[in-house]
Amino acid sequence: MPGPFLEFDSARMQAGGMASADAEENWREALRPLYEVGRPRTSPFEASIRVWDLGSMLMTRHFIRDEVQFRRTRRKISSTPADHYLVHCLLEGSLASEFDGTQQRVEPNSIALRDLSVENIGFARDAPMVTLTVPRGPLEARLPPGAGLHAAAWAAGDVIGAMLATHLQSVARLATRMTAEEARLAGDATLSLLASCLLPKAKPSVRQGDPRLGPMLRAQALSCIERRLSDPDLDAAAVCREIGVSRTALYELFAASGGVARHIRARRLDEAMRRLRSLAGPKERIGEIAYGLGFPSESTFSRSFRERFGCAPSEAREATEPPTAKTAGGDESIGTAYEAKVQSLPV
């Protein structure tokens, strides 16, 4: 692997002549897909971000000087959905999160998970971290159905947590020396290790009709959909049966996206686009992709694909170059490049 997929270094930018305020705006842009960020404008700005592609996940090593607040609000979740978990390994400093009226503190050299479908406010101070961005589907497929993973954590003295923290730090140190294939193997091994360590903490989610459980139930519905994208019998009724809610309740969970049937079709089309543009392994025929994702015919698939993406599947296949991050003044922001990379992770 020649280097990080994305890289930001305020010190390097300012040494090259960029104003501190402009460097900070670039940093905020890099975090825009996930968080609304707040920090004292009066304190000197110092931050760094490096992101590596491990195939099944992204690994980020990041740091921000002084205090900073990261807000994953309901508005942010709705406007920039991300069906992923963040796995934070705190190296130094302090990190705390507030969600559902509670606060959780993370100790240095320990691990904590955050579900990006759940509202969360994080507070960090002088806190270098290694963070994994892990798609929901591949992780939850290795765990009992309905496992609640948000806020799962290990204390600093916990042997299993220490083992996992040591592993993440080792992968971060070795990432720059890895080939693309070695990075993929490291990502797969890390995913399996993470799932194994989480097994004792995987708690079944409550399913009562409490409206405050909406984000949790929607997360379960999304997980069901991701696991069964290729199942031709996947529909609203199937999702209702799996998560134990009525059709009315399910529609309310997906009202913002036009209903669950529309969401299922959109996700199948997104997965088709990912497969068409994948550079890994032998290429699937367009018909194989269509039938493999539950479409009744290739013509129906092609028509739906064109409606969503404005091009034919064959035209999308020709565009196989991954997005490239640009520096300030380029055609594509680093936040846009990061968001595209997150959405391209296997589900």
Protein backbone atom coordinates (compact mmCIF):
# COMPACT_ATOMS: atom_id res chain seq x y z
CA MET A 1 0.00 0.00 0.00
CA PRO A 2 1.70 3.23 -1.10
CA GLY A 3 0.21 5.31 1.70
CA PRO A 4 -3.05 6.45 3.32
CA PHE A 5 -6.12 6.73 1.13
CA LEU A 6 -6.65 10.22 2.60
CA GLU A 7 -4.23 12.39 4.54
CA PHE A 8 -4.57 15.70 6.34
CA ASP A 9 -1.83 17.41 8.36
CA SER A 10 -2.40 20.97 9.59
CA ALA A 11 1.29 21.50 10.38
CA ARG A 12 2.32 20.55 6.84
CA MET A 13 -0.40 22.75 5.34
CA GLN A 14 0.61 25.76 7.42
CA ALA A 15 4.30 25.18 6.69
CA GLY A 16 3.34 25.36 3.01
CA GLY A 17 1.77 28.77 3.49
CA MET A 18 -1.87 27.94 4.20
CA ALA A 19 -3.55 30.10 6.84
CA SER A 20 -4.55 28.35 10.06
CA ALA A 21 -8.23 29.20 9.50
CA ASP A 22 -8.16 27.65 6.02
CA ALA A 23 -6.47 24.51 7.35
CA GLU A 24 -9.19 24.20 9.99
CA GLU A 25 -11.91 24.50 7.36
CA ASN A 26 -10.27 21.67 5.42
CA TRP A 27 -10.28 19.58 8.60
CA ARG A 28 -13.97 20.30 9.22
CA GLU A 29 -14.71 19.31 5.63
CA ALA A 30 -12.98 15.95 6.15
CA LEU A 31 -15.29 15.23 9.11
CA ARG A 32 -18.45 16.62 7.50
CA PRO A 33 -19.85 13.24 6.32
CA LEU A 34 -20.14 12.02 9.92
CA TYR A 35 -20.14 14.90 12.39
CA GLU A 36 -20.94 18.47 13.18
CA VAL A 37 -17.75 19.70 14.87
CA GLY A 38 -17.21 22.35 17.52
CA ARG A 39 -13.97 23.63 19.02
CA PRO A 40 -12.74 26.90 20.61
CA ARG A 41 -11.67 29.21 17.81
CA THR A 42 -9.31 30.97 20.19
CA SER A 43 -6.96 27.99 20.65
CA PRO A 44 -4.23 27.23 18.09
CA PHE A 45 -5.35 24.68 15.50
CA GLU A 46 -3.41 21.42 15.26
CA ALA A 47 -4.86 18.25 13.76
CA SER A 48 -3.99 15.27 11.60
CA ILE A 49 -6.00 12.56 9.83
CA ARG A 50 -4.74 9.49 7.95
CA VAL A 51 -7.14 6.94 6.46
CA TRP A 52 -6.21 3.48 5.16
CA ASP A 53 -8.42 1.16 3.10
CA LEU A 54 -8.40 -2.35 4.64
CA GLY A 55 -10.89 -3.79 2.17
CA SER A 56 -13.64 -4.75 4.62
CA MET A 57 -13.25 -1.54 6.65
CA LEU A 58 -11.45 1.79 6.85
CA MET A 59 -8.83 2.53 9.50
CA THR A 60 -8.23 6.13 10.58
CA ARG A 61 -5.47 7.51 12.77
CA HIS A 62 -6.44 11.00 13.90
CA PHE A 63 -5.57 13.68 16.44
CA ILE A 64 -6.85 17.12 17.44
CA ARG A 65 -5.19 19.42 19.95
CA ASP A 66 -7.18 20.81 22.90
CA GLU A 67 -10.93 20.31 23.22
CA VAL A 68 -13.31 19.33 20.44
CA GLN A 69 -16.96 18.26 20.28
CA PHE A 70 -18.29 15.79 17.70
CA ARG A 71 -22.08 15.81 17.24
CA ARG A 72 -23.88 13.00 15.43
CA THR A 73 -27.37 14.52 15.53
CA ARG A 74 -30.64 13.16 14.17
CA ARG A 75 -30.43 15.79 11.42
CA LYS A 76 -26.93 14.66 10.52
CA ILE A 77 -28.02 11.00 10.54
CA SER A 78 -30.90 11.82 8.18
CA SER A 79 -28.86 13.97 5.81
CA THR A 80 -25.74 11.77 5.69
CA PRO A 81 -26.76 8.22 6.62
CA ALA A 82 -23.96 5.76 7.29
CA ASP A 83 -24.85 2.16 8.07
CA HIS A 84 -21.66 1.55 10.01
CA TYR A 85 -20.07 1.23 13.42
CA LEU A 86 -17.09 3.23 14.60
CA VAL A 87 -14.60 1.34 16.77
CA HIS A 88 -12.49 3.83 18.74
CA CYS A 89 -9.16 2.89 20.30
CA LEU A 90 -8.08 5.81 22.48
CA LEU A 91 -4.30 6.16 22.74
CA GLU A 92 -3.97 9.13 25.13
CA GLY A 93 -5.95 12.07 26.50
CA SER A 94 -9.67 11.92 27.29
CA LEU A 95 -12.79 10.85 25.40
CA ALA A 96 -16.42 10.85 26.57
CA SER A 97 -19.77 10.41 24.83
CA GLU A 98 -23.34 11.34 25.68
CA PHE A 99 -26.33 9.39 24.32
CA ASP A 100 -29.80 8.45 25.59
CA GLY A 101 -29.30 10.67 28.64
CA THR A 102 -26.17 8.86 29.79
CA GLN A 103 -22.45 9.55 29.56
CA GLN A 104 -19.70 7.06 28.87
CA ARG A 105 -16.01 7.77 29.47
CA VAL A 106 -13.33 5.91 27.53
CA GLU A 107 -9.99 5.23 29.18
CA PRO A 108 -6.68 5.39 27.28
CA ASN A 109 -5.67 2.10 25.67
CA SER A 110 -9.27 0.88 25.63
CA ILE A 111 -11.97 0.30 23.02
CA ALA A 112 -15.51 1.67 22.56
CA LEU A 113 -18.09 1.19 19.77
CA ARG A 114 -20.48 3.78 18.36
CA ASP A 115 -23.44 3.00 16.09
CA LEU A 116 -23.71 5.78 13.50
CA SER A 117 -27.50 5.36 13.37
CA VAL A 118 -27.72 6.52 17.02
CA GLU A 119 -27.52 10.14 18.14
CA ASN A 120 -24.29 10.77 19.98
CA ILE A 121 -22.17 13.69 21.22
CA GLY A 122 -18.48 13.03 21.76
CA PHE A 123 -16.03 15.14 23.75
CA ALA A 124 -12.29 14.70 23.17
CA ARG A 125 -9.26 16.49 24.54
CA ASP A 126 -5.72 15.94 23.26
CA ALA A 127 -6.91 12.49 22.19
CA PRO A 128 -5.01 10.62 19.48
CA MET A 129 -7.11 7.65 18.34
CA VAL A 130 -7.16 4.73 15.96
CA THR A 131 -10.71 4.29 14.61
CA LEU A 132 -12.21 1.57 12.45
CA THR A 133 -15.20 2.33 10.21
CA VAL A 134 -16.94 -1.06 9.98
CA PRO A 135 -20.04 -1.80 7.83
CA ARG A 136 -22.97 -3.04 9.89
CA GLY A 137 -23.76 -6.12 7.79
CA PRO A 138 -20.43 -7.99 7.89
CA LEU A 139 -20.01 -7.38 11.64
CA GLU A 140 -23.55 -8.25 12.71
CA ALA A 141 -23.55 -11.34 10.48
CA ARG A 142 -20.90 -12.78 12.83
CA LEU A 143 -23.01 -12.11 15.94
CA PRO A 144 -26.39 -13.25 17.33
CA PRO A 145 -29.41 -11.67 15.57
CA GLY A 146 -30.55 -8.41 17.14
CA ALA A 147 -27.32 -7.82 19.07
CA GLY A 148 -27.10 -4.29 20.48
CA LEU A 149 -23.54 -3.05 19.95
CA HIS A 150 -23.80 0.70 20.48
CA ALA A 151 -21.69 1.73 23.52
CA ALA A 152 -20.07 -1.70 23.84
CA ALA A 153 -16.71 -1.05 25.55
CA TRP A 154 -13.84 -2.57 27.47
CA ALA A 155 -12.14 -1.06 30.50
CA ALA A 156 -8.46 -0.25 30.17
CA GLY A 157 -7.52 -3.17 32.43
CA ASP A 158 -9.72 -5.72 30.63
CA VAL A 159 -7.49 -8.41 29.07
CA ILE A 160 -9.68 -8.88 25.98
CA GLY A 161 -9.99 -5.14 25.44
CA ALA A 162 -6.22 -4.73 25.84
CA MET A 163 -5.62 -7.48 23.29
CA LEU A 164 -7.95 -5.81 20.79
CA ALA A 165 -6.38 -2.38 21.43
CA THR A 166 -2.89 -3.81 20.91
CA HIS A 167 -4.01 -5.40 17.66
CA LEU A 168 -5.48 -2.15 16.28
CA GLN A 169 -2.36 -0.22 17.19
CA SER A 170 -0.18 -2.86 15.50
CA VAL A 171 -2.23 -2.69 12.30
CA ALA A 172 -1.96 1.12 12.36
CA ARG A 173 1.84 0.92 12.68
CA LEU A 174 2.20 -1.63 9.89
CA ALA A 175 -0.35 -0.17 7.44
CA THR A 176 2.15 1.90 5.46
CA ARG A 177 4.20 -1.24 4.74
CA MET A 178 1.28 -3.37 3.53
CA THR A 179 0.39 -4.19 -0.04
CA ALA A 180 -3.27 -3.91 -1.03
CA GLU A 181 -3.70 -7.67 -0.59
CA GLU A 182 -2.01 -7.64 2.82
CA ALA A 183 -4.27 -4.77 3.87
CA ARG A 184 -7.33 -6.74 2.81
CA LEU A 185 -6.17 -9.77 4.81
CA ALA A 186 -5.50 -7.54 7.82
CA GLY A 187 -9.01 -6.09 7.53
CA ASP A 188 -10.65 -9.52 7.35
CA ALA A 189 -8.63 -10.79 10.33
CA THR A 190 -9.48 -7.66 12.34
CA LEU A 191 -13.19 -8.05 11.58
CA SER A 192 -13.16 -11.66 12.80
CA LEU A 193 -11.22 -10.75 15.94
CA LEU A 194 -13.55 -7.84 16.71
CA ALA A 195 -16.65 -10.03 16.32
CA SER A 196 -15.18 -12.74 18.56
CA CYS A 197 -14.34 -10.19 21.27
CA LEU A 198 -17.85 -8.74 21.05
CA LEU A 199 -19.70 -12.02 21.51
CA PRO A 200 -19.94 -11.75 25.32
CA LYS A 201 -21.18 -8.15 25.00
CA ALA A 202 -23.79 -8.71 22.25
CA LYS A 203 -27.06 -8.01 24.05
CA PRO A 204 -30.41 -8.64 22.31
CA SER A 205 -32.26 -5.40 21.69
CA VAL A 206 -35.59 -4.61 23.36
CA ARG A 207 -38.57 -4.60 20.99
CA GLN A 208 -41.35 -2.87 22.93
CA GLY A 209 -43.28 -0.06 21.26
CA ASP A 210 -41.34 2.73 22.98
CA PRO A 211 -40.88 5.53 20.38
CA ARG A 212 -37.41 6.19 21.78
CA LEU A 213 -36.40 2.81 20.36
CA GLY A 214 -36.97 4.06 16.80
CA PRO A 215 -33.25 4.40 15.96
CA MET A 216 -32.55 0.94 17.39
CA LEU A 217 -35.42 -0.70 15.47
CA ARG A 218 -34.43 1.06 12.28
CA ALA A 219 -30.87 -0.17 12.76
CA GLN A 220 -32.19 -3.73 13.10
CA ALA A 221 -34.31 -3.30 9.97
CA LEU A 222 -31.31 -1.96 8.06
CA SER A 223 -29.23 -4.92 9.20
CA CYS A 224 -31.93 -7.34 8.03
CA ILE A 225 -32.05 -5.66 4.63
CA GLU A 226 -28.28 -5.70 4.20
CA ARG A 227 -28.05 -9.40 5.04
CA ARG A 228 -30.81 -10.33 2.61
CA LEU A 229 -30.23 -8.05 -0.39
CA SER A 230 -29.88 -11.07 -2.67
CA ASP A 231 -33.00 -12.79 -1.27
CA PRO A 232 -35.87 -12.47 -3.80
CA ASP A 233 -38.36 -12.88 -0.91
CA LEU A 234 -37.07 -9.80 0.89
CA ASP A 235 -39.90 -7.29 1.21
CA ALA A 236 -41.61 -5.20 3.87
CA ALA A 237 -43.46 -8.21 5.28
CA ALA A 238 -40.21 -10.16 5.68
CA VAL A 239 -38.58 -7.26 7.55
CA CYS A 240 -41.64 -6.94 9.82
CA ARG A 241 -41.45 -10.61 10.73
CA GLU A 242 -37.73 -10.49 11.49
CA ILE A 243 -37.69 -7.43 13.76
CA GLY A 244 -41.16 -7.92 15.23
CA VAL A 245 -43.01 -4.72 14.26
CA SER A 246 -46.19 -3.93 12.34
CA ARG A 247 -46.19 -2.68 8.75
CA THR A 248 -47.36 0.73 10.01
CA ALA A 249 -44.48 0.95 12.47
CA LEU A 250 -42.02 -0.17 9.80
CA TYR A 251 -43.25 2.47 7.37
CA GLU A 252 -42.80 5.15 10.05
CA LEU A 253 -39.18 4.03 10.51
CA PHE A 254 -38.54 4.56 6.79
CA ALA A 255 -40.93 7.46 6.11
CA ALA A 256 -38.06 9.88 5.49
CA SER A 257 -36.74 7.66 2.67
CA GLY A 258 -40.12 6.96 1.08
CA GLY A 259 -40.88 3.61 2.68
CA VAL A 260 -39.05 0.35 3.18
CA ALA A 261 -39.72 -1.01 -0.33
CA ARG A 262 -38.09 2.04 -1.86
CA HIS A 263 -35.14 1.70 0.51
CA ILE A 264 -34.68 -1.99 -0.38
CA ARG A 265 -34.64 -1.22 -4.09
CA ALA A 266 -32.23 1.68 -3.58
CA ARG A 267 -29.83 -0.49 -1.58
CA ARG A 268 -29.98 -3.25 -4.20
CA LEU A 269 -29.15 -0.73 -6.89
CA ASP A 270 -26.31 0.73 -4.79
CA GLU A 271 -24.91 -2.78 -4.31
CA ALA A 272 -25.23 -3.39 -8.05
CA MET A 273 -23.23 -0.22 -8.71
CA ARG A 274 -20.56 -1.35 -6.26
CA ARG A 275 -20.26 -4.73 -7.97
CA LEU A 276 -20.16 -3.20 -11.43
CA ARG A 277 -17.32 -0.90 -10.41
CA SER A 278 -15.41 -3.43 -8.32
CA LEU A 279 -11.87 -4.11 -9.44
CA ALA A 280 -11.52 -7.23 -7.29
CA GLY A 281 -12.04 -10.73 -8.67
CA PRO A 282 -13.71 -11.84 -11.90
CA LYS A 283 -16.40 -9.57 -13.30
CA GLU A 284 -19.98 -10.72 -12.97
CA ARG A 285 -22.27 -10.45 -15.99
CA ILE A 286 -24.91 -7.74 -15.69
CA GLY A 287 -27.68 -10.34 -15.76
CA GLU A 288 -26.02 -12.26 -12.92
CA ILE A 289 -25.90 -9.12 -10.81
CA ALA A 290 -29.55 -8.32 -11.57
CA TYR A 291 -30.91 -11.76 -10.69
CA GLY A 292 -28.49 -12.10 -7.76
CA LEU A 293 -30.00 -8.98 -6.19
CA GLY A 294 -33.60 -10.07 -6.55
CA PHE A 295 -34.65 -8.24 -9.73
CA PRO A 296 -37.18 -10.25 -11.78
CA SER A 297 -35.55 -9.45 -15.13
CA GLU A 298 -32.51 -7.75 -16.59
CA SER A 299 -34.70 -5.16 -18.32
CA THR A 300 -36.39 -4.20 -15.04
CA PHE A 301 -32.98 -3.92 -13.41
CA SER A 302 -31.56 -1.76 -16.24
CA ARG A 303 -34.55 0.58 -16.19
CA SER A 304 -34.36 1.01 -12.41
CA PHE A 305 -30.59 1.45 -12.55
CA ARG A 306 -30.87 4.23 -15.14
CA GLU A 307 -33.56 5.99 -13.09
CA ARG A 308 -31.30 6.00 -10.02
CA PHE A 309 -27.91 6.73 -11.57
CA GLY A 310 -28.69 8.33 -14.93
CA CYS A 311 -26.72 5.76 -16.90
CA ALA A 312 -26.96 2.16 -18.07
CA PRO A 313 -25.26 -0.61 -16.07
CA SER A 314 -22.83 -1.18 -18.94
CA GLU A 315 -21.84 2.50 -18.85
CA ALA A 316 -21.30 2.35 -15.08
CA ARG A 317 -19.00 -0.65 -15.50
CA GLU A 318 -16.66 1.44 -17.66
CA ALA A 319 -16.14 3.92 -14.80
CA THR A 320 -13.95 1.73 -12.62
CA GLU A 321 -11.52 4.34 -11.30
CA PRO A 322 -12.00 4.96 -7.54
CA PRO A 323 -12.50 8.55 -6.36
CA THR A 324 -9.30 10.49 -5.68
CA ALA A 325 -8.98 12.93 -2.80
CA LYS A 326 -8.04 16.45 -3.79
CA THR A 327 -6.34 19.13 -1.76
CA ALA A 328 -7.87 22.53 -1.16
CA GLY A 329 -8.86 24.08 -4.47
CA GLY A 330 -9.33 20.70 -6.21
CA ASP A 331 -12.45 19.39 -7.87
CA GLU A 332 -13.42 17.05 -5.05
CA SER A 333 -13.21 17.72 -1.33
CA ILE A 334 -11.59 15.28 1.05
CA GLY A 335 -14.92 14.97 2.84
CA THR A 336 -16.62 13.90 -0.39
CA ALA A 337 -13.84 11.44 -1.14
CA TYR A 338 -14.06 9.94 2.35
CA GLU A 339 -17.85 9.66 2.13
CA ALA A 340 -17.57 7.87 -1.23
CA LYS A 341 -15.02 5.47 0.23
CA VAL A 342 -17.21 4.70 3.25
CA GLN A 343 -20.19 3.95 1.00
CA SER A 344 -18.06 1.64 -1.18
CA LEU A 345 -17.21 -0.68 1.74
CA PRO A 346 -18.62 -4.21 1.27
CA VAL A 347 -21.97 -4.80 2.92
